C-alpha atoms as a PDB file:
ATOM      1  CA  MET A   1       6.377   5.381  54.150  1.00  0.00           C
ATOM      2  CA  ARG A   2       7.743   4.987  57.650  1.00  0.00           C
ATOM      3  CA  THR A   3       6.265   8.343  58.733  1.00  0.00           C
ATOM      4  CA  TRP A   4       2.834   7.263  57.484  1.00  0.00           C
ATOM      5  CA  MET A   5       2.973   4.008  59.392  1.00  0.00           C
ATOM      6  CA  TRP A   6       4.091   5.732  62.590  1.00  0.00           C
ATOM      7  CA  ASN A   7       1.309   8.281  62.228  1.00  0.00           C
ATOM      8  CA  ARG A   8      -1.322   5.637  61.478  1.00  0.00           C
ATOM      9  CA  SER A   9      -0.222   3.545  64.440  1.00  0.00           C
ATOM     10  CA  ARG A  10      -0.059   6.508  66.819  1.00  0.00           C
ATOM     11  CA  ALA A  11      -3.424   7.860  65.645  1.00  0.00           C
ATOM     12  CA  ALA A  12      -4.980   4.421  66.111  1.00  0.00           C
ATOM     13  CA  ARG A  13      -3.659   4.174  69.680  1.00  0.00           C
ATOM     14  CA  LEU A  14      -4.923   7.655  70.528  1.00  0.00           C
ATOM     15  CA  LEU A  15      -8.385   6.973  69.123  1.00  0.00           C
ATOM     16  CA  SER A  16      -8.589   3.671  70.981  1.00  0.00           C
ATOM     17  CA  ALA A  17      -7.680   5.470  74.184  1.00  0.00           C
ATOM     18  CA  ALA A  18     -10.229   8.215  73.464  1.00  0.00           C
ATOM     19  CA  ALA A  19     -12.994   5.664  72.927  1.00  0.00           C
ATOM     20  CA  ALA A  20     -12.107   3.933  76.198  1.00  0.00           C
ATOM     21  CA  VAL A  21     -12.182   7.280  78.029  1.00  0.00           C
ATOM     22  CA  LEU A  22     -15.637   8.036  76.585  1.00  0.00           C
ATOM     23  CA  MET A  23     -16.937   4.702  77.828  1.00  0.00           C
ATOM     24  CA  VAL A  24     -15.401   5.088  81.295  1.00  0.00           C
ATOM     25  CA  ALA A  25     -16.754   8.649  81.531  1.00  0.00           C
ATOM     26  CA  GLY A  26     -20.223   7.294  80.834  1.00  0.00           C
ATOM     27  CA  LEU A  27     -20.591   9.239  77.581  1.00  0.00           C
ATOM     28  CA  CYS A  28     -21.260   5.978  75.821  1.00  0.00           C
ATOM     29  CA  ALA A  29     -22.277   2.680  77.282  1.00  0.00           C
ATOM     30  CA  PRO A  30     -21.917  -0.878  76.083  1.00  0.00           C
ATOM     31  CA  GLN A  31     -24.957  -1.923  74.086  1.00  0.00           C
ATOM     32  CA  ALA A  32     -27.115  -4.865  75.033  1.00  0.00           C
ATOM     33  CA  ALA A  33     -26.964  -7.787  72.656  1.00  0.00           C
ATOM     34  CA  ALA A  34     -29.455  -7.487  69.833  1.00  0.00           C
ATOM     35  CA  ALA A  35     -30.818  -9.981  67.369  1.00  0.00           C
ATOM     36  CA  PRO A  36     -28.458 -10.241  64.359  1.00  0.00           C
ATOM     37  CA  ASP A  37     -31.022  -8.797  61.935  1.00  0.00           C
ATOM     38  CA  THR A  38     -31.573  -5.712  64.112  1.00  0.00           C
ATOM     39  CA  ALA A  39     -28.032  -5.289  65.470  1.00  0.00           C
ATOM     40  CA  ARG A  40     -26.321  -2.011  64.762  1.00  0.00           C
ATOM     41  CA  GLN A  41     -22.544  -1.933  64.504  1.00  0.00           C
ATOM     42  CA  HIS A  42     -20.934  -0.567  67.677  1.00  0.00           C
ATOM     43  CA  VAL A  43     -17.402  -0.107  68.950  1.00  0.00           C
ATOM     44  CA  LEU A  44     -17.117   0.178  72.723  1.00  0.00           C
ATOM     45  CA  GLY A  45     -20.818   0.942  72.813  1.00  0.00           C
ATOM     46  CA  VAL A  46     -20.615   3.762  70.272  1.00  0.00           C
ATOM     47  CA  PRO A  47     -22.998   3.277  67.314  1.00  0.00           C
ATOM     48  CA  LEU A  48     -21.004   3.729  64.122  1.00  0.00           C
ATOM     49  CA  ALA A  49     -21.994   5.698  61.034  1.00  0.00           C
ATOM     50  CA  PRO A  50     -23.356   3.918  57.972  1.00  0.00           C
ATOM     51  CA  GLY A  51     -20.711   2.508  55.655  1.00  0.00           C
ATOM     52  CA  THR A  52     -18.205   1.655  58.378  1.00  0.00           C
ATOM     53  CA  ALA A  53     -18.709  -2.116  58.455  1.00  0.00           C
ATOM     54  CA  GLY A  54     -15.386  -3.914  58.222  1.00  0.00           C
ATOM     55  CA  LEU A  55     -13.248  -0.836  58.849  1.00  0.00           C
ATOM     56  CA  THR A  56     -10.676  -0.904  61.616  1.00  0.00           C
ATOM     57  CA  PRO A  57     -12.336   0.199  64.864  1.00  0.00           C
ATOM     58  CA  GLN A  58     -10.139   3.302  64.925  1.00  0.00           C
ATOM     59  CA  LEU A  59     -11.159   4.397  61.426  1.00  0.00           C
ATOM     60  CA  GLY A  60     -14.792   3.549  62.137  1.00  0.00           C
ATOM     61  CA  ILE A  61     -14.806   5.741  65.237  1.00  0.00           C
ATOM     62  CA  ALA A  62     -12.887   8.595  63.591  1.00  0.00           C
ATOM     63  CA  TYR A  63     -15.220   8.645  60.583  1.00  0.00           C
ATOM     64  CA  THR A  64     -18.314   8.373  62.802  1.00  0.00           C
ATOM     65  CA  LEU A  65     -17.259  11.412  64.822  1.00  0.00           C
ATOM     66  CA  ALA A  66     -16.503  13.349  61.624  1.00  0.00           C
ATOM     67  CA  HIS A  67     -19.816  12.244  60.109  1.00  0.00           C
ATOM     68  CA  ARG A  68     -21.730  13.504  63.138  1.00  0.00           C
ATOM     69  CA  ALA A  69     -19.941  16.877  62.979  1.00  0.00           C
ATOM     70  CA  ALA A  70     -20.630  17.170  59.242  1.00  0.00           C
ATOM     71  CA  GLN A  71     -24.312  16.406  59.833  1.00  0.00           C
ATOM     72  CA  ALA A  72     -24.454  19.038  62.583  1.00  0.00           C
ATOM     73  CA  ALA A  73     -22.940  21.525  60.123  1.00  0.00           C
ATOM     74  CA  GLY A  74     -25.545  20.593  57.493  1.00  0.00           C
ATOM     75  CA  VAL A  75     -22.993  18.954  55.204  1.00  0.00           C
ATOM     76  CA  PRO A  76     -23.964  15.702  53.466  1.00  0.00           C
ATOM     77  CA  MET A  77     -21.286  13.033  53.756  1.00  0.00           C
ATOM     78  CA  TYR A  78     -21.281   9.279  53.248  1.00  0.00           C
ATOM     79  CA  VAL A  79     -18.909   6.392  52.598  1.00  0.00           C
ATOM     80  CA  ASN A  80     -18.998   5.377  48.923  1.00  0.00           C
ATOM     81  CA  SER A  81     -16.538   2.556  49.466  1.00  0.00           C
ATOM     82  CA  GLY A  82     -14.893   1.309  52.641  1.00  0.00           C
ATOM     83  CA  LYS A  83     -13.750  -2.223  53.415  1.00  0.00           C
ATOM     84  CA  ARG A  84     -13.395  -4.345  50.285  1.00  0.00           C
ATOM     85  CA  SER A  85     -12.860  -8.062  50.005  1.00  0.00           C
ATOM     86  CA  ARG A  86      -9.741  -9.338  48.257  1.00  0.00           C
ATOM     87  CA  ALA A  87     -11.977 -10.653  45.477  1.00  0.00           C
ATOM     88  CA  GLU A  88     -13.662  -7.268  44.975  1.00  0.00           C
ATOM     89  CA  GLN A  89     -10.281  -5.495  44.940  1.00  0.00           C
ATOM     90  CA  ALA A  90      -8.943  -8.079  42.460  1.00  0.00           C
ATOM     91  CA  ARG A  91     -11.901  -7.355  40.170  1.00  0.00           C
ATOM     92  CA  LEU A  92     -11.268  -3.595  40.451  1.00  0.00           C
ATOM     93  CA  TRP A  93      -7.577  -4.194  39.707  1.00  0.00           C
ATOM     94  CA  ARG A  94      -8.382  -6.249  36.578  1.00  0.00           C
ATOM     95  CA  ASP A  95     -10.892  -3.604  35.464  1.00  0.00           C
ATOM     96  CA  GLY A  96      -8.292  -0.876  36.054  1.00  0.00           C
ATOM     97  CA  ILE A  97      -5.731  -2.652  33.899  1.00  0.00           C
ATOM     98  CA  GLY A  98      -8.352  -3.016  31.163  1.00  0.00           C
ATOM     99  CA  THR A  99      -9.398   0.629  31.425  1.00  0.00           C
ATOM    100  CA  TYR A 100      -5.928   2.194  31.658  1.00  0.00           C
ATOM    101  CA  GLY A 101      -4.061  -0.296  29.450  1.00  0.00           C
ATOM    102  CA  SER A 102      -1.290  -1.471  31.780  1.00  0.00           C
ATOM    103  CA  PRO A 103      -0.603  -2.286  35.420  1.00  0.00           C
ATOM    104  CA  GLU A 104       1.663   0.767  35.687  1.00  0.00           C
ATOM    105  CA  ALA A 105      -1.081   3.134  34.466  1.00  0.00           C
ATOM    106  CA  ALA A 106      -3.784   1.409  36.535  1.00  0.00           C
ATOM    107  CA  ARG A 107      -1.744   1.817  39.757  1.00  0.00           C
ATOM    108  CA  ARG A 108      -2.431   5.551  39.664  1.00  0.00           C
ATOM    109  CA  TRP A 109      -6.095   4.765  40.477  1.00  0.00           C
ATOM    110  CA  VAL A 110      -6.314   1.259  41.898  1.00  0.00           C
ATOM    111  CA  LEU A 111      -3.932  -1.115  43.649  1.00  0.00           C
ATOM    112  CA  PRO A 112      -3.783  -4.911  43.681  1.00  0.00           C
ATOM    113  CA  PRO A 113      -5.461  -6.603  46.664  1.00  0.00           C
ATOM    114  CA  GLY A 114      -2.209  -7.127  48.576  1.00  0.00           C
ATOM    115  CA  GLU A 115      -1.455  -3.384  48.547  1.00  0.00           C
ATOM    116  CA  SER A 116      -4.855  -1.727  48.939  1.00  0.00           C
ATOM    117  CA  THR A 117      -5.741  -0.119  52.273  1.00  0.00           C
ATOM    118  CA  HIS A 118      -9.396  -0.775  51.419  1.00  0.00           C
ATOM    119  CA  VAL A 119      -8.777  -4.523  51.769  1.00  0.00           C
ATOM    120  CA  THR A 120      -7.387  -4.040  55.272  1.00  0.00           C
ATOM    121  CA  GLY A 121     -10.252  -1.720  56.276  1.00  0.00           C
ATOM    122  CA  GLU A 122      -7.930   1.273  56.596  1.00  0.00           C
ATOM    123  CA  ALA A 123      -9.403   3.523  53.875  1.00  0.00           C
ATOM    124  CA  ILE A 124     -12.679   5.124  52.898  1.00  0.00           C
ATOM    125  CA  ASP A 125     -13.897   6.824  49.747  1.00  0.00           C
ATOM    126  CA  VAL A 126     -16.227   9.668  50.719  1.00  0.00           C
ATOM    127  CA  GLY A 127     -18.973  11.439  48.809  1.00  0.00           C
ATOM    128  CA  PRO A 128     -20.491  13.678  47.712  1.00  0.00           C
ATOM    129  CA  ARG A 129     -17.798  16.148  46.696  1.00  0.00           C
ATOM    130  CA  ALA A 130     -19.055  18.716  49.238  1.00  0.00           C
ATOM    131  CA  GLY A 131     -18.732  16.137  52.017  1.00  0.00           C
ATOM    132  CA  ALA A 132     -15.226  15.165  50.906  1.00  0.00           C
ATOM    133  CA  ALA A 133     -14.231  18.853  50.735  1.00  0.00           C
ATOM    134  CA  TRP A 134     -15.575  19.357  54.260  1.00  0.00           C
ATOM    135  CA  LEU A 135     -13.662  16.291  55.473  1.00  0.00           C
ATOM    136  CA  GLN A 136     -10.470  17.526  53.820  1.00  0.00           C
ATOM    137  CA  ARG A 137     -10.795  20.844  55.711  1.00  0.00           C
ATOM    138  CA  ASN A 138     -11.877  19.349  59.044  1.00  0.00           C
ATOM    139  CA  GLY A 139     -10.771  15.710  59.109  1.00  0.00           C
ATOM    140  CA  ILE A 140      -7.522  16.347  60.963  1.00  0.00           C
ATOM    141  CA  ARG A 141      -9.630  16.899  64.091  1.00  0.00           C
ATOM    142  CA  TRP A 142     -10.011  13.096  64.044  1.00  0.00           C
ATOM    143  CA  GLY A 143      -6.740  12.204  62.271  1.00  0.00           C
ATOM    144  CA  LEU A 144      -8.464  11.713  58.893  1.00  0.00           C
ATOM    145  CA  CYS A 145      -6.537  12.919  55.868  1.00  0.00           C
ATOM    146  CA  ARG A 146      -6.875  12.848  52.107  1.00  0.00           C
ATOM    147  CA  THR A 147      -3.889  10.777  51.018  1.00  0.00           C
ATOM    148  CA  PHE A 148      -3.675  11.158  47.206  1.00  0.00           C
ATOM    149  CA  ASP A 149      -3.653  14.328  45.085  1.00  0.00           C
ATOM    150  CA  ASN A 150      -5.605  12.675  42.267  1.00  0.00           C
ATOM    151  CA  GLU A 151      -8.397  11.220  44.455  1.00  0.00           C
ATOM    152  CA  TRP A 152     -10.491  13.897  46.195  1.00  0.00           C
ATOM    153  CA  TRP A 153     -12.592  11.118  47.739  1.00  0.00           C
ATOM    154  CA  HIS A 154      -9.935   8.876  49.381  1.00  0.00           C
ATOM    155  CA  PHE A 155      -9.228   9.296  53.136  1.00  0.00           C
ATOM    156  CA  GLU A 156      -7.203   7.362  55.680  1.00  0.00           C
ATOM    157  CA  LEU A 157      -6.439   7.626  59.380  1.00  0.00           C
ATOM    158  CA  VAL A 158      -2.786   8.694  59.035  1.00  0.00           C
ATOM    159  CA  ALA A 159      -2.215  11.480  61.566  1.00  0.00           C
ATOM    160  CA  VAL A 160      -2.545  12.199  65.230  1.00  0.00           C
ATOM    161  CA  PRO A 161      -5.840  14.063  65.714  1.00  0.00           C
ATOM    162  CA  GLY A 162      -5.368  17.818  65.888  1.00  0.00           C
ATOM    163  CA  THR A 163      -1.883  17.879  64.335  1.00  0.00           C
ATOM    164  CA  GLN A 164      -1.199  18.085  60.587  1.00  0.00           C
ATOM    165  CA  CYS A 165      -1.871  15.733  57.729  1.00  0.00           C
ATOM    166  CA  PRO A 166       1.226  14.313  56.052  1.00  0.00           C
ATOM    167  CA  ARG A 167       2.041  15.518  52.546  1.00  0.00           C
ATOM    168  CA  ARG A 168      -0.275  13.882  50.022  1.00  0.00           C
ATOM    169  CA  LEU A 169       1.152  11.474  47.494  1.00  0.00           C
ATOM    170  CA  PRO A 170       0.567  12.288  43.809  1.00  0.00           C
ATOM    171  CA  ASP A 171      -1.342   8.997  43.380  1.00  0.00           C
ATOM    172  CA  ALA A 172      -1.473   5.416  44.654  1.00  0.00           C
ATOM    173  CA  SER A 173       1.477   4.339  42.494  1.00  0.00           C
ATOM    174  CA  HIS A 174       3.778   6.337  44.795  1.00  0.00           C
ATOM    175  CA  ARG A 175       2.870   4.329  47.892  1.00  0.00           C
END
């Protein structure tokens, strides 16, 4: 657990620094204020990919860069689920217990609100399968890694870009 937190923190700092460098270098500029109904989500002037609302800025930027590269490679990729409210996660948790029969069995697939990285905006579920497979092969370029063996769709910012992803956990119950 400690290694994951160190990696997540270090990756976040590096991505924040990279975004600041892009802005200073003039590769992206701060956006003028727009009317709320026409505003597009930006971080340091960089327009973010669809589905990134509520994510940490670092994850939003990392996914946006990966999304752009996937698009350039002709690979479809989108966020199925990103930031979730505590209430939404609580509903998913209750549904999981009903589906799998016990909290212990449900934890393999869903965590309670206080433990889910979706609630904190630190996780994304990616689709379609081809996009998730592409992200699994290429995501380390941005520090994005698949974190659970049993969830081909679940990615988090847990590594320093360009290094190696940490060993995946069998499922969420091992977190």
